[in-house]
Amino acid sequence: MIKRNPEVRKAKGKIPAWIIAEKMGIHEKTLYAWLRFDLSDERKEAVLNAIREVKEENNVQ
């Protein structure tokens, strides 16, 4: 099975998608739909920024 957006999936780790989606102001299902396809550079950066913020707020590595 092909997994798209490996950088995002690796950065996400075990953080639940709903937390990332909440941080971005989108629905969890929207995030999952985005991850089915290659993200644009802007969208990828937005998702990675949200992941970084969640990690910083929760002291997660």
PDB file of N, CA and C in Angstrom:
ATOM      1  N   MET A   1       0.843  -1.176   0.000  1.00  0.00           N
ATOM      2  CA  MET A   1       0.000   0.000   0.000  1.00  0.00           C
ATOM      3  C   MET A   1       0.893   1.246   0.000  1.00  0.00           C
ATOM      4  N   ILE A   2       0.557   2.196  -0.826  1.00  0.00           N
ATOM      5  CA  ILE A   2       1.314   3.442  -0.925  1.00  0.00           C
ATOM      6  C   ILE A   2       0.825   4.403   0.153  1.00  0.00           C
ATOM      7  N   LYS A   3       1.775   4.922   0.911  1.00  0.00           N
ATOM      8  CA  LYS A   3       1.456   5.931   1.925  1.00  0.00           C
ATOM      9  C   LYS A   3       1.991   7.266   1.440  1.00  0.00           C
ATOM     10  N   ARG A   4       1.105   8.207   1.246  1.00  0.00           N
ATOM     11  CA  ARG A   4       1.523   9.533   0.812  1.00  0.00           C
ATOM     12  C   ARG A   4       1.862  10.390   2.024  1.00  0.00           C
ATOM     13  N   ASN A   5       2.586  11.453   1.801  1.00  0.00           N
ATOM     14  CA  ASN A   5       2.952  12.420   2.831  1.00  0.00           C
ATOM     15  C   ASN A   5       3.723  11.786   3.988  1.00  0.00           C
ATOM     16  N   PRO A   6       4.795  11.045   3.678  1.00  0.00           N
ATOM     17  CA  PRO A   6       5.534  10.355   4.739  1.00  0.00           C
ATOM     18  C   PRO A   6       6.135  11.300   5.777  1.00  0.00           C
ATOM     19  N   GLU A   7       6.507  12.527   5.361  1.00  0.00           N
ATOM     20  CA  GLU A   7       7.088  13.472   6.327  1.00  0.00           C
ATOM     21  C   GLU A   7       6.058  13.852   7.382  1.00  0.00           C
ATOM     22  N   VAL A   8       4.835  14.073   6.938  1.00  0.00           N
ATOM     23  CA  VAL A   8       3.769  14.450   7.856  1.00  0.00           C
ATOM     24  C   VAL A   8       3.432  13.281   8.763  1.00  0.00           C
ATOM     25  N   ARG A   9       3.315  12.095   8.207  1.00  0.00           N
ATOM     26  CA  ARG A   9       2.975  10.919   9.006  1.00  0.00           C
ATOM     27  C   ARG A   9       4.051  10.624  10.045  1.00  0.00           C
ATOM     28  N   LYS A  10       5.321  10.812   9.667  1.00  0.00           N
ATOM     29  CA  LYS A  10       6.416  10.583  10.604  1.00  0.00           C
ATOM     30  C   LYS A  10       6.386  11.626  11.713  1.00  0.00           C
ATOM     31  N   ALA A  11       6.190  12.894  11.349  1.00  0.00           N
ATOM     32  CA  ALA A  11       6.141  13.968  12.342  1.00  0.00           C
ATOM     33  C   ALA A  11       4.952  13.792  13.289  1.00  0.00           C
ATOM     34  N   LYS A  12       3.843  13.316  12.751  1.00  0.00           N
ATOM     35  CA  LYS A  12       2.624  13.114  13.545  1.00  0.00           C
ATOM     36  C   LYS A  12       2.856  12.099  14.647  1.00  0.00           C
ATOM     37  N   GLY A  13       3.565  11.025  14.317  1.00  0.00           N
ATOM     38  CA  GLY A  13       3.799   9.983  15.323  1.00  0.00           C
ATOM     39  C   GLY A  13       2.495   9.453  15.878  1.00  0.00           C
ATOM     40  N   LYS A  14       2.385   9.463  17.196  1.00  0.00           N
ATOM     41  CA  LYS A  14       1.187   8.927  17.844  1.00  0.00           C
ATOM     42  C   LYS A  14       0.206  10.016  18.272  1.00  0.00           C
ATOM     43  N   ILE A  15       0.430  11.231  17.787  1.00  0.00           N
ATOM     44  CA  ILE A  15      -0.510  12.310  18.111  1.00  0.00           C
ATOM     45  C   ILE A  15      -1.819  12.032  17.366  1.00  0.00           C
ATOM     46  N   PRO A  16      -2.941  12.032  18.068  1.00  0.00           N
ATOM     47  CA  PRO A  16      -4.219  11.786  17.390  1.00  0.00           C
ATOM     48  C   PRO A  16      -4.517  12.870  16.352  1.00  0.00           C
ATOM     49  N   ALA A  17      -5.055  12.447  15.244  1.00  0.00           N
ATOM     50  CA  ALA A  17      -5.360  13.385  14.157  1.00  0.00           C
ATOM     51  C   ALA A  17      -6.348  14.453  14.596  1.00  0.00           C
ATOM     52  N   TRP A  18      -7.250  14.125  15.495  1.00  0.00           N
ATOM     53  CA  TRP A  18      -8.249  15.111  15.907  1.00  0.00           C
ATOM     54  C   TRP A  18      -7.603  16.286  16.623  1.00  0.00           C
ATOM     55  N   ILE A  19      -6.493  16.052  17.330  1.00  0.00           N
ATOM     56  CA  ILE A  19      -5.811  17.143  18.028  1.00  0.00           C
ATOM     57  C   ILE A  19      -5.157  18.088  17.015  1.00  0.00           C
ATOM     58  N   ILE A  20      -4.533  17.506  16.004  1.00  0.00           N
ATOM     59  CA  ILE A  20      -3.906  18.319  14.954  1.00  0.00           C
ATOM     60  C   ILE A  20      -4.975  19.106  14.205  1.00  0.00           C
ATOM     61  N   ALA A  21      -6.060  18.430  13.858  1.00  0.00           N
ATOM     62  CA  ALA A  21      -7.154  19.089  13.137  1.00  0.00           C
ATOM     63  C   ALA A  21      -7.747  20.219  13.971  1.00  0.00           C
ATOM     64  N   GLU A  22      -7.938  19.980  15.252  1.00  0.00           N
ATOM     65  CA  GLU A  22      -8.472  21.018  16.130  1.00  0.00           C
ATOM     66  C   GLU A  22      -7.553  22.236  16.155  1.00  0.00           C
ATOM     67  N   LYS A  23      -6.255  21.995  16.219  1.00  0.00           N
ATOM     68  CA  LYS A  23      -5.269  23.079  16.226  1.00  0.00           C
ATOM     69  C   LYS A  23      -5.363  23.897  14.931  1.00  0.00           C
ATOM     70  N   MET A  24      -5.669  23.217  13.816  1.00  0.00           N
ATOM     71  CA  MET A  24      -5.758  23.883  12.518  1.00  0.00           C
ATOM     72  C   MET A  24      -7.129  24.503  12.262  1.00  0.00           C
ATOM     73  N   GLY A  25      -8.111  24.176  13.101  1.00  0.00           N
ATOM     74  CA  GLY A  25      -9.457  24.703  12.897  1.00  0.00           C
ATOM     75  C   GLY A  25     -10.221  23.989  11.801  1.00  0.00           C
ATOM     76  N   ILE A  26      -9.880  22.708  11.591  1.00  0.00           N
ATOM     77  CA  ILE A  26     -10.565  21.904  10.573  1.00  0.00           C
ATOM     78  C   ILE A  26     -11.117  20.647  11.239  1.00  0.00           C
ATOM     79  N   HIS A  27     -11.945  19.908  10.525  1.00  0.00           N
ATOM     80  CA  HIS A  27     -12.480  18.651  11.033  1.00  0.00           C
ATOM     81  C   HIS A  27     -11.463  17.539  10.817  1.00  0.00           C
ATOM     82  N   GLU A  28     -11.467  16.587  11.708  1.00  0.00           N
ATOM     83  CA  GLU A  28     -10.558  15.441  11.618  1.00  0.00           C
ATOM     84  C   GLU A  28     -10.683  14.728  10.268  1.00  0.00           C
ATOM     85  N   LYS A  29     -11.883  14.579   9.774  1.00  0.00           N
ATOM     86  CA  LYS A  29     -12.090  13.907   8.489  1.00  0.00           C
ATOM     87  C   LYS A  29     -11.450  14.700   7.344  1.00  0.00           C
ATOM     88  N   THR A  30     -11.431  16.013   7.465  1.00  0.00           N
ATOM     89  CA  THR A  30     -10.781  16.841   6.448  1.00  0.00           C
ATOM     90  C   THR A  30      -9.293  16.545   6.414  1.00  0.00           C
ATOM     91  N   LEU A  31      -8.678  16.450   7.584  1.00  0.00           N
ATOM     92  CA  LEU A  31      -7.254  16.140   7.654  1.00  0.00           C
ATOM     93  C   LEU A  31      -6.973  14.781   7.017  1.00  0.00           C
ATOM     94  N   TYR A  32      -7.768  13.780   7.354  1.00  0.00           N
ATOM     95  CA  TYR A  32      -7.577  12.454   6.752  1.00  0.00           C
ATOM     96  C   TYR A  32      -7.747  12.507   5.230  1.00  0.00           C
ATOM     97  N   ALA A  33      -8.707  13.277   4.752  1.00  0.00           N
ATOM     98  CA  ALA A  33      -8.913  13.394   3.306  1.00  0.00           C
ATOM     99  C   ALA A  33      -7.702  14.055   2.651  1.00  0.00           C
ATOM    100  N   TRP A  34      -7.157  15.089   3.286  1.00  0.00           N
ATOM    101  CA  TRP A  34      -5.970  15.745   2.743  1.00  0.00           C
ATOM    102  C   TRP A  34      -4.809  14.771   2.636  1.00  0.00           C
ATOM    103  N   LEU A  35      -4.645  13.927   3.649  1.00  0.00           N
ATOM    104  CA  LEU A  35      -3.491  13.024   3.686  1.00  0.00           C
ATOM    105  C   LEU A  35      -3.572  11.896   2.656  1.00  0.00           C
ATOM    106  N   ARG A  36      -4.728  11.709   2.038  1.00  0.00           N
ATOM    107  CA  ARG A  36      -4.864  10.678   1.007  1.00  0.00           C
ATOM    108  C   ARG A  36      -4.124  11.042  -0.273  1.00  0.00           C
ATOM    109  N   PHE A  37      -3.848  12.340  -0.438  1.00  0.00           N
ATOM    110  CA  PHE A  37      -3.192  12.832  -1.644  1.00  0.00           C
ATOM    111  C   PHE A  37      -1.934  13.597  -1.247  1.00  0.00           C
ATOM    112  N   ASP A  38      -1.042  13.795  -2.208  1.00  0.00           N
ATOM    113  CA  ASP A  38       0.149  14.585  -1.929  1.00  0.00           C
ATOM    114  C   ASP A  38      -0.274  16.014  -1.594  1.00  0.00           C
ATOM    115  N   LEU A  39       0.197  16.496  -0.455  1.00  0.00           N
ATOM    116  CA  LEU A  39      -0.155  17.838  -0.019  1.00  0.00           C
ATOM    117  C   LEU A  39       0.625  18.892  -0.800  1.00  0.00           C
ATOM    118  N   SER A  40      -0.009  20.034  -1.007  1.00  0.00           N
ATOM    119  CA  SER A  40       0.713  21.171  -1.584  1.00  0.00           C
ATOM    120  C   SER A  40       1.732  21.625  -0.543  1.00  0.00           C
ATOM    121  N   ASP A  41       2.721  22.360  -0.969  1.00  0.00           N
ATOM    122  CA  ASP A  41       3.750  22.835  -0.039  1.00  0.00           C
ATOM    123  C   ASP A  41       3.140  23.683   1.075  1.00  0.00           C
ATOM    124  N   GLU A  42       2.186  24.538   0.734  1.00  0.00           N
ATOM    125  CA  GLU A  42       1.566  25.403   1.730  1.00  0.00           C
ATOM    126  C   GLU A  42       0.776  24.594   2.759  1.00  0.00           C
ATOM    127  N   ARG A  43       0.003  23.633   2.277  1.00  0.00           N
ATOM    128  CA  ARG A  43      -0.809  22.826   3.185  1.00  0.00           C
ATOM    129  C   ARG A  43       0.079  21.933   4.049  1.00  0.00           C
ATOM    130  N   LYS A  44       1.131  21.371   3.439  1.00  0.00           N
ATOM    131  CA  LYS A  44       2.055  20.527   4.199  1.00  0.00           C
ATOM    132  C   LYS A  44       2.692  21.326   5.327  1.00  0.00           C
ATOM    133  N   GLU A  45       3.112  22.549   5.021  1.00  0.00           N
ATOM    134  CA  GLU A  45       3.742  23.394   6.041  1.00  0.00           C
ATOM    135  C   GLU A  45       2.750  23.739   7.154  1.00  0.00           C
ATOM    136  N   ALA A  46       1.492  23.979   6.793  1.00  0.00           N
ATOM    137  CA  ALA A  46       0.468  24.284   7.796  1.00  0.00           C
ATOM    138  C   ALA A  46       0.258  23.096   8.740  1.00  0.00           C
ATOM    139  N   VAL A  47       0.208  21.890   8.180  1.00  0.00           N
ATOM    140  CA  VAL A  47       0.020  20.689   8.998  1.00  0.00           C
ATOM    141  C   VAL A  47       1.241  20.474   9.891  1.00  0.00           C
ATOM    142  N   LEU A  48       2.436  20.607   9.321  1.00  0.00           N
ATOM    143  CA  LEU A  48       3.654  20.413  10.112  1.00  0.00           C
ATOM    144  C   LEU A  48       3.772  21.465  11.220  1.00  0.00           C
ATOM    145  N   ASN A  49       3.357  22.694  10.952  1.00  0.00           N
ATOM    146  CA  ASN A  49       3.363  23.729  11.986  1.00  0.00           C
ATOM    147  C   ASN A  49       2.406  23.376  13.122  1.00  0.00           C
ATOM    148  N   ALA A  50       1.230  22.877  12.772  1.00  0.00           N
ATOM    149  CA  ALA A  50       0.264  22.471  13.795  1.00  0.00           C
ATOM    150  C   ALA A  50       0.831  21.332  14.639  1.00  0.00           C
ATOM    151  N   ILE A  51       1.495  20.379  13.998  1.00  0.00           N
ATOM    152  CA  ILE A  51       2.105  19.265  14.728  1.00  0.00           C
ATOM    153  C   ILE A  51       3.174  19.790  15.681  1.00  0.00           C
ATOM    154  N   ARG A  52       4.009  20.715  15.201  1.00  0.00           N
ATOM    155  CA  ARG A  52       5.055  21.304  16.057  1.00  0.00           C
ATOM    156  C   ARG A  52       4.441  22.010  17.261  1.00  0.00           C
ATOM    157  N   GLU A  53       3.386  22.766  17.028  1.00  0.00           N
ATOM    158  CA  GLU A  53       2.734  23.485  18.121  1.00  0.00           C
ATOM    159  C   GLU A  53       2.167  22.520  19.156  1.00  0.00           C
ATOM    160  N   VAL A  54       1.526  21.461  18.700  1.00  0.00           N
ATOM    161  CA  VAL A  54       0.970  20.469  19.625  1.00  0.00           C
ATOM    162  C   VAL A  54       2.086  19.834  20.438  1.00  0.00           C
ATOM    163  N   LYS A  55       3.184  19.492  19.785  1.00  0.00           N
ATOM    164  CA  LYS A  55       4.314  18.887  20.492  1.00  0.00           C
ATOM    165  C   LYS A  55       4.894  19.841  21.518  1.00  0.00           C
ATOM    166  N   GLU A  56       5.043  21.119  21.164  1.00  0.00           N
ATOM    167  CA  GLU A  56       5.596  22.099  22.097  1.00  0.00           C
ATOM    168  C   GLU A  56       4.677  22.291  23.290  1.00  0.00           C
ATOM    169  N   GLU A  57       3.370  22.367  23.048  1.00  0.00           N
ATOM    170  CA  GLU A  57       2.394  22.584  24.125  1.00  0.00           C
ATOM    171  C   GLU A  57       2.343  21.403  25.082  1.00  0.00           C
ATOM    172  N   ASN A  58       2.619  20.206  24.577  1.00  0.00           N
ATOM    173  CA  ASN A  58       2.481  18.994  25.388  1.00  0.00           C
ATOM    174  C   ASN A  58       3.811  18.336  25.714  1.00  0.00           C
ATOM    175  N   ASN A  59       4.911  19.037  25.421  1.00  0.00           N
ATOM    176  CA  ASN A  59       6.252  18.502  25.689  1.00  0.00           C
ATOM    177  C   ASN A  59       6.435  17.090  25.143  1.00  0.00           C
ATOM    178  N   VAL A  60       6.048  16.931  23.871  1.00  0.00           N
ATOM    179  CA  VAL A  60       6.173  15.639  23.186  1.00  0.00           C
ATOM    180  C   VAL A  60       7.335  15.724  22.222  1.00  0.00           C
ATOM    181  N   GLN A  61       8.112  14.650  22.108  1.00  0.00           N
ATOM    182  CA  GLN A  61       9.235  14.631  21.171  1.00  0.00           C
ATOM    183  C   GLN A  61       8.803  14.080  19.873  1.00  0.00           C
TER     184      GLN A  61
END
